[in-house]
Amino acid sequence: MKESKRIKFTKMHGCGNDFIVIDEHEAEVIPEPNKEELSRELCTRKLSIGADGVIFVCKPDPGSGCDTRMRIFNADGTEAEMSGNGMRCFAKYVYERGLVHERRMKVETLGGLVVPEVKDLIDGRVATVRVFMGKPRFEWLNEPLYVNGIGEIKLTSLNLGNPHAVVILNSFSELDVGMVGKRIETHPAFPNRTNVNFVLLGAEDRNEITVRTYERGVGETLSCGTGSTASVVVLEELGLINASTPVTVHTRGGDLSVEVKEEGAYLTGPAEEVFEGVFTIHTIL
């Protein structure tokens, strides 16, 4: 016998990087074995709600010292450690709904503690969130990697709560983000796969860059918060920019701001709610 269950959701985005937010703060509404498959189904564009990922709002684990917990599943159903754009949407959601009362909150994630802070309020609604992203862990810096069918590519590999590869380019004109991104994402050098960021320095202002990101388990997205942050910290490490003052990151979905301080990197940008809705799932009793 099948049971139908109606689930409320909220569609949100940060610079076009869009998410389906499901509130499980009080109780689990999607059984754990179903989260992977359901995320794939819900994220399928044109045939379902459509999104880059699904965010679950959860209670923190006892003893974690956190105010709340975020879980995020990619469009292919894999669970990700963290998302910069997703975290801003998450912070907006929990703050506006009174699940967290302080503007600065501690969020438990699969990638560790993340601390977002609500910055700008317009008519009581969250417009901008600043996220402390922590310090990067570099694996290698601007070294060559041979990629089948493409050749040798210089890139930096690092972890900023989730894995990233950063490739600095002179132009996007001949770049096939989907093809190159996929081959780097699944390269044997990255056994758990990696997000891939292609970076273009500003022609006049070195603290203004453009980033296109192929996200692990998703494909190219309109924006990637952790990818934008990773790109800035790599350029800072290479001495190509001075990120102690805010760096403007142009993405296809809008602009983000990243700065690097002694304690780590900060990401600032918008978060928007698009609509609320209900979908139905069928479970076998």
Protein backbone atom coordinates (compact mmCIF):
# COMPACT_ATOMS: atom_id res chain seq x y z
CA MET A 1 0.00 0.00 0.00
CA LYS A 2 1.24 3.48 -0.87
CA GLU A 3 0.94 6.58 1.29
CA SER A 4 0.99 10.07 -0.24
CA LYS A 5 2.81 12.78 1.65
CA ARG A 6 2.75 16.51 0.82
CA ILE A 7 6.04 18.31 1.46
CA LYS A 8 6.43 22.07 1.68
CA PHE A 9 9.49 23.65 0.04
CA THR A 10 10.97 27.06 -0.65
CA LYS A 11 12.83 27.91 -3.87
CA MET A 12 15.80 30.23 -3.29
CA HIS A 13 18.90 31.40 -5.13
CA GLY A 14 22.17 33.22 -4.61
CA CYS A 15 23.29 34.93 -7.83
CA GLY A 16 21.36 32.38 -9.90
CA ASN A 17 22.77 29.36 -8.05
CA ASP A 18 19.37 27.92 -7.10
CA PHE A 19 18.21 25.58 -4.37
CA ILE A 20 15.12 23.79 -3.11
CA VAL A 21 14.98 24.31 0.66
CA ILE A 22 13.17 21.70 2.77
CA ASP A 23 12.67 22.36 6.48
CA GLU A 24 13.43 19.33 8.66
CA HIS A 25 14.19 21.39 11.73
CA GLU A 26 11.46 19.81 13.83
CA ALA A 27 11.30 16.36 12.25
CA GLU A 28 12.63 14.42 9.28
CA VAL A 29 10.13 14.76 6.44
CA ILE A 30 12.15 12.88 3.80
CA PRO A 31 13.36 9.41 4.92
CA GLU A 32 17.14 9.16 4.75
CA PRO A 33 17.20 6.42 2.07
CA ASN A 34 15.07 8.62 -0.20
CA LYS A 35 17.06 11.86 -0.01
CA GLU A 36 19.49 10.98 -2.81
CA GLU A 37 16.90 9.82 -5.34
CA LEU A 38 14.44 12.56 -4.46
CA SER A 39 17.11 15.24 -4.86
CA ARG A 40 17.82 13.99 -8.39
CA GLU A 41 14.12 14.04 -9.24
CA LEU A 42 13.38 17.47 -7.75
CA CYS A 43 16.41 19.12 -9.37
CA THR A 44 15.57 17.92 -12.90
CA ARG A 45 14.78 21.06 -14.86
CA LYS A 46 11.65 21.21 -17.04
CA LEU A 47 10.37 17.92 -15.60
CA SER A 48 10.26 18.98 -11.93
CA ILE A 49 10.92 22.02 -9.73
CA GLY A 50 14.47 22.30 -11.06
CA ALA A 51 17.54 23.44 -9.12
CA ASP A 52 21.27 23.03 -8.66
CA GLY A 53 20.71 21.34 -5.32
CA VAL A 54 18.45 20.57 -2.37
CA ILE A 55 19.11 22.08 1.06
CA PHE A 56 17.77 20.44 4.22
CA VAL A 57 17.36 22.60 7.33
CA CYS A 58 18.09 20.37 10.34
CA LYS A 59 18.63 20.54 14.07
CA PRO A 60 22.33 20.49 15.01
CA ASP A 61 23.87 17.40 16.51
CA PRO A 62 23.83 17.45 20.35
CA GLY A 63 27.06 18.83 21.73
CA SER A 64 28.09 20.49 18.46
CA GLY A 65 27.69 23.97 19.90
CA CYS A 66 25.99 25.04 16.66
CA ASP A 67 22.70 26.89 16.25
CA THR A 68 21.48 24.84 13.30
CA ARG A 69 22.65 22.36 10.66
CA MET A 70 22.64 22.44 6.87
CA ARG A 71 22.73 19.42 4.58
CA ILE A 72 22.99 19.90 0.84
CA PHE A 73 22.54 17.43 -2.00
CA ASN A 74 23.73 18.12 -5.54
CA ALA A 75 21.53 17.73 -8.60
CA ASP A 76 23.00 14.26 -9.19
CA GLY A 77 21.93 13.15 -5.70
CA THR A 78 25.37 13.20 -4.09
CA GLU A 79 25.69 14.94 -0.74
CA ALA A 80 28.07 17.92 -0.75
CA GLU A 81 30.11 19.24 2.14
CA MET A 82 29.12 22.90 1.79
CA SER A 83 27.94 25.65 -0.54
CA GLY A 84 28.75 29.34 -0.23
CA ASN A 85 25.71 30.53 -2.17
CA GLY A 86 23.59 27.86 -0.50
CA MET A 87 24.78 28.98 2.93
CA ARG A 88 23.59 32.53 2.29
CA CYS A 89 20.17 31.19 1.28
CA PHE A 90 20.17 28.95 4.34
CA ALA A 91 21.01 31.85 6.68
CA LYS A 92 18.23 33.97 5.17
CA TYR A 93 15.75 31.13 5.59
CA VAL A 94 16.48 30.31 9.24
CA TYR A 95 16.75 33.97 10.30
CA GLU A 96 13.55 35.15 8.64
CA ARG A 97 11.58 32.20 10.04
CA GLY A 98 12.89 32.68 13.57
CA LEU A 99 14.74 29.35 13.73
CA VAL A 100 17.85 31.36 14.65
CA HIS A 101 17.52 34.74 16.36
CA GLU A 102 21.06 36.11 16.20
CA ARG A 103 22.36 37.68 12.99
CA ARG A 104 25.66 35.85 13.42
CA MET A 105 25.06 32.11 13.60
CA LYS A 106 27.02 28.88 13.83
CA VAL A 107 26.00 26.34 11.21
CA GLU A 108 27.02 22.70 11.29
CA THR A 109 27.82 21.25 7.86
CA LEU A 110 29.38 18.10 6.48
CA GLY A 111 32.46 20.26 5.76
CA GLY A 112 32.68 21.57 9.33
CA LEU A 113 31.59 24.73 11.15
CA VAL A 114 30.51 27.65 8.95
CA VAL A 115 29.63 31.08 10.35
CA PRO A 116 27.29 33.26 8.26
CA GLU A 117 26.16 36.71 9.37
CA VAL A 118 23.08 38.59 8.20
CA LYS A 119 24.30 42.03 7.07
CA ASP A 120 21.59 43.98 5.26
CA LEU A 121 17.87 43.94 6.01
CA ILE A 122 15.31 45.58 3.72
CA ASP A 123 11.81 45.87 5.20
CA GLY A 124 12.71 43.12 7.64
CA ARG A 125 13.87 40.75 4.91
CA VAL A 126 17.46 39.54 4.57
CA ALA A 127 19.13 40.99 1.48
CA THR A 128 22.84 40.32 2.06
CA VAL A 129 24.76 37.70 4.02
CA ARG A 130 28.48 37.60 4.84
CA VAL A 131 29.92 34.12 5.36
CA PHE A 132 33.18 33.30 7.12
CA MET A 133 34.60 30.57 4.87
CA GLY A 134 37.69 29.75 6.94
CA LYS A 135 41.22 29.13 5.75
CA PRO A 136 42.00 27.11 2.61
CA ARG A 137 44.03 23.92 2.64
CA PHE A 138 46.23 23.87 -0.44
CA GLU A 139 47.18 20.55 -2.02
CA TRP A 140 49.28 22.01 -4.82
CA LEU A 141 49.74 25.49 -6.24
CA ASN A 142 49.67 26.31 -9.97
CA GLU A 143 51.22 23.03 -11.11
CA PRO A 144 50.70 21.22 -14.43
CA LEU A 145 48.18 18.38 -14.72
CA TYR A 146 47.83 16.27 -17.85
CA VAL A 147 44.19 15.92 -18.88
CA ASN A 148 43.24 13.35 -21.52
CA GLY A 149 42.09 14.91 -24.76
CA ILE A 150 43.14 18.39 -23.68
CA GLY A 151 46.80 18.27 -22.70
CA GLU A 152 48.66 19.93 -19.88
CA ILE A 153 46.73 22.42 -17.73
CA LYS A 154 48.18 24.47 -14.90
CA LEU A 155 45.91 24.50 -11.90
CA THR A 156 45.75 24.82 -8.14
CA SER A 157 44.04 22.22 -5.97
CA LEU A 158 42.67 23.25 -2.59
CA ASN A 159 39.92 22.58 -0.08
CA LEU A 160 37.68 25.29 1.33
CA GLY A 161 35.12 23.13 3.07
CA ASN A 162 34.77 21.28 -0.25
CA PRO A 163 37.34 20.51 -2.98
CA HIS A 164 38.22 22.98 -5.74
CA ALA A 165 40.54 23.25 -8.72
CA VAL A 166 41.36 26.74 -9.98
CA VAL A 167 42.56 27.40 -13.55
CA ILE A 168 43.72 30.90 -14.52
CA LEU A 169 42.99 31.86 -18.13
CA ASN A 170 43.67 34.76 -20.48
CA SER A 171 40.29 34.44 -22.20
CA PHE A 172 37.02 32.52 -22.07
CA SER A 173 36.50 32.77 -25.84
CA GLU A 174 37.61 29.22 -26.70
CA LEU A 175 36.70 27.58 -23.39
CA ASP A 176 34.21 24.72 -23.34
CA VAL A 177 33.36 24.80 -19.64
CA GLY A 178 31.26 21.63 -19.78
CA MET A 179 33.84 19.49 -21.53
CA VAL A 180 36.98 20.76 -19.78
CA GLY A 181 35.25 21.03 -16.41
CA LYS A 182 33.96 17.47 -16.57
CA ARG A 183 37.36 16.02 -17.47
CA ILE A 184 39.08 17.83 -14.62
CA GLU A 185 36.26 17.01 -12.17
CA THR A 186 36.65 13.28 -12.82
CA HIS A 187 40.46 13.22 -13.22
CA PRO A 188 42.18 10.40 -11.28
CA ALA A 189 44.05 13.08 -9.31
CA PHE A 190 40.71 13.81 -7.61
CA PRO A 191 39.33 10.47 -6.36
CA ASN A 192 36.35 12.22 -4.74
CA ARG A 193 35.93 14.52 -7.77
CA THR A 194 36.37 18.29 -7.55
CA ASN A 195 34.69 21.58 -8.41
CA VAL A 196 36.48 23.37 -11.26
CA ASN A 197 36.84 27.17 -11.48
CA PHE A 198 38.03 29.07 -14.54
CA VAL A 199 39.31 32.53 -13.64
CA LEU A 200 39.95 35.67 -15.67
CA LEU A 201 41.76 38.63 -14.11
CA GLY A 202 40.38 42.11 -14.71
CA ALA A 203 42.14 44.01 -17.49
CA GLU A 204 42.36 47.25 -15.54
CA ASP A 205 41.36 46.55 -11.93
CA ARG A 206 43.24 43.57 -10.49
CA ASN A 207 40.72 43.38 -7.64
CA GLU A 208 37.96 42.62 -10.11
CA ILE A 209 37.83 39.09 -11.56
CA THR A 210 35.46 36.89 -13.54
CA VAL A 211 34.80 33.25 -12.60
CA ARG A 212 32.96 30.44 -14.34
CA THR A 213 32.48 27.25 -12.33
CA TYR A 214 31.78 23.65 -13.23
CA GLU A 215 30.32 22.27 -10.01
CA ARG A 216 30.89 18.70 -8.97
CA GLY A 217 27.72 16.71 -9.44
CA VAL A 218 25.89 19.59 -11.15
CA GLY A 219 27.69 21.02 -14.19
CA GLU A 220 28.25 24.70 -14.94
CA THR A 221 26.19 26.90 -12.64
CA LEU A 222 25.40 30.60 -12.87
CA SER A 223 27.49 31.19 -9.76
CA CYS A 224 29.44 29.31 -7.09
CA GLY A 225 30.18 30.91 -3.73
CA THR A 226 32.89 28.53 -2.57
CA GLY A 227 34.35 28.56 -6.10
CA SER A 228 34.50 32.35 -6.14
CA THR A 229 36.16 32.33 -2.72
CA ALA A 230 38.63 29.62 -3.76
CA SER A 231 39.54 31.60 -6.88
CA VAL A 232 40.29 34.72 -4.85
CA VAL A 233 42.42 32.93 -2.24
CA VAL A 234 44.45 31.28 -5.02
CA LEU A 235 45.10 34.59 -6.77
CA GLU A 236 46.04 36.09 -3.39
CA GLU A 237 48.43 33.20 -2.69
CA LEU A 238 50.06 33.70 -6.11
CA GLY A 239 50.47 37.43 -5.48
CA LEU A 240 48.27 38.41 -8.41
CA ILE A 241 45.77 40.41 -6.33
CA ASN A 242 45.55 42.02 -2.91
CA ALA A 243 42.48 40.48 -1.30
CA SER A 244 42.87 42.26 2.02
CA THR A 245 40.43 44.71 0.44
CA PRO A 246 37.22 43.33 -1.09
CA VAL A 247 37.57 41.67 -4.49
CA THR A 248 34.58 41.88 -6.82
CA VAL A 249 33.85 38.51 -8.43
CA HIS A 250 31.73 38.63 -11.57
CA THR A 251 29.75 35.45 -12.19
CA ARG A 252 27.13 34.77 -14.84
CA GLY A 253 24.42 35.17 -12.19
CA GLY A 254 25.69 38.34 -10.51
CA ASP A 255 28.49 39.82 -8.44
CA LEU A 256 29.98 38.54 -5.19
CA SER A 257 32.54 40.10 -2.87
CA VAL A 258 35.44 38.18 -1.32
CA GLU A 259 38.11 39.38 1.10
CA VAL A 260 40.92 37.51 2.78
CA LYS A 261 41.89 38.34 6.35
CA GLU A 262 44.43 36.76 8.68
CA GLU A 263 41.77 34.49 10.18
CA GLY A 264 40.46 33.36 6.80
CA ALA A 265 38.26 34.31 3.84
CA TYR A 266 34.89 36.04 3.83
CA LEU A 267 32.22 35.82 1.14
CA THR A 268 29.48 38.46 0.85
CA GLY A 269 26.53 38.42 -1.51
CA PRO A 270 22.76 38.40 -1.94
CA ALA A 271 20.22 35.70 -1.14
CA GLU A 272 16.74 35.70 -2.62
CA GLU A 273 13.55 33.77 -2.09
CA VAL A 274 11.72 32.98 -5.33
CA PHE A 275 8.58 31.13 -4.30
CA GLU A 276 7.08 28.55 -1.95
CA GLY A 277 5.27 25.40 -2.96
CA VAL A 278 4.26 21.84 -2.19
CA PHE A 279 5.20 18.57 -3.85
CA THR A 280 3.89 15.06 -3.24
CA ILE A 281 5.92 11.93 -2.57
CA HIS A 282 4.62 8.38 -2.41
CA THR A 283 6.02 5.96 0.16
CA ILE A 284 5.32 2.24 0.50
CA LEU A 285 3.92 1.25 3.89
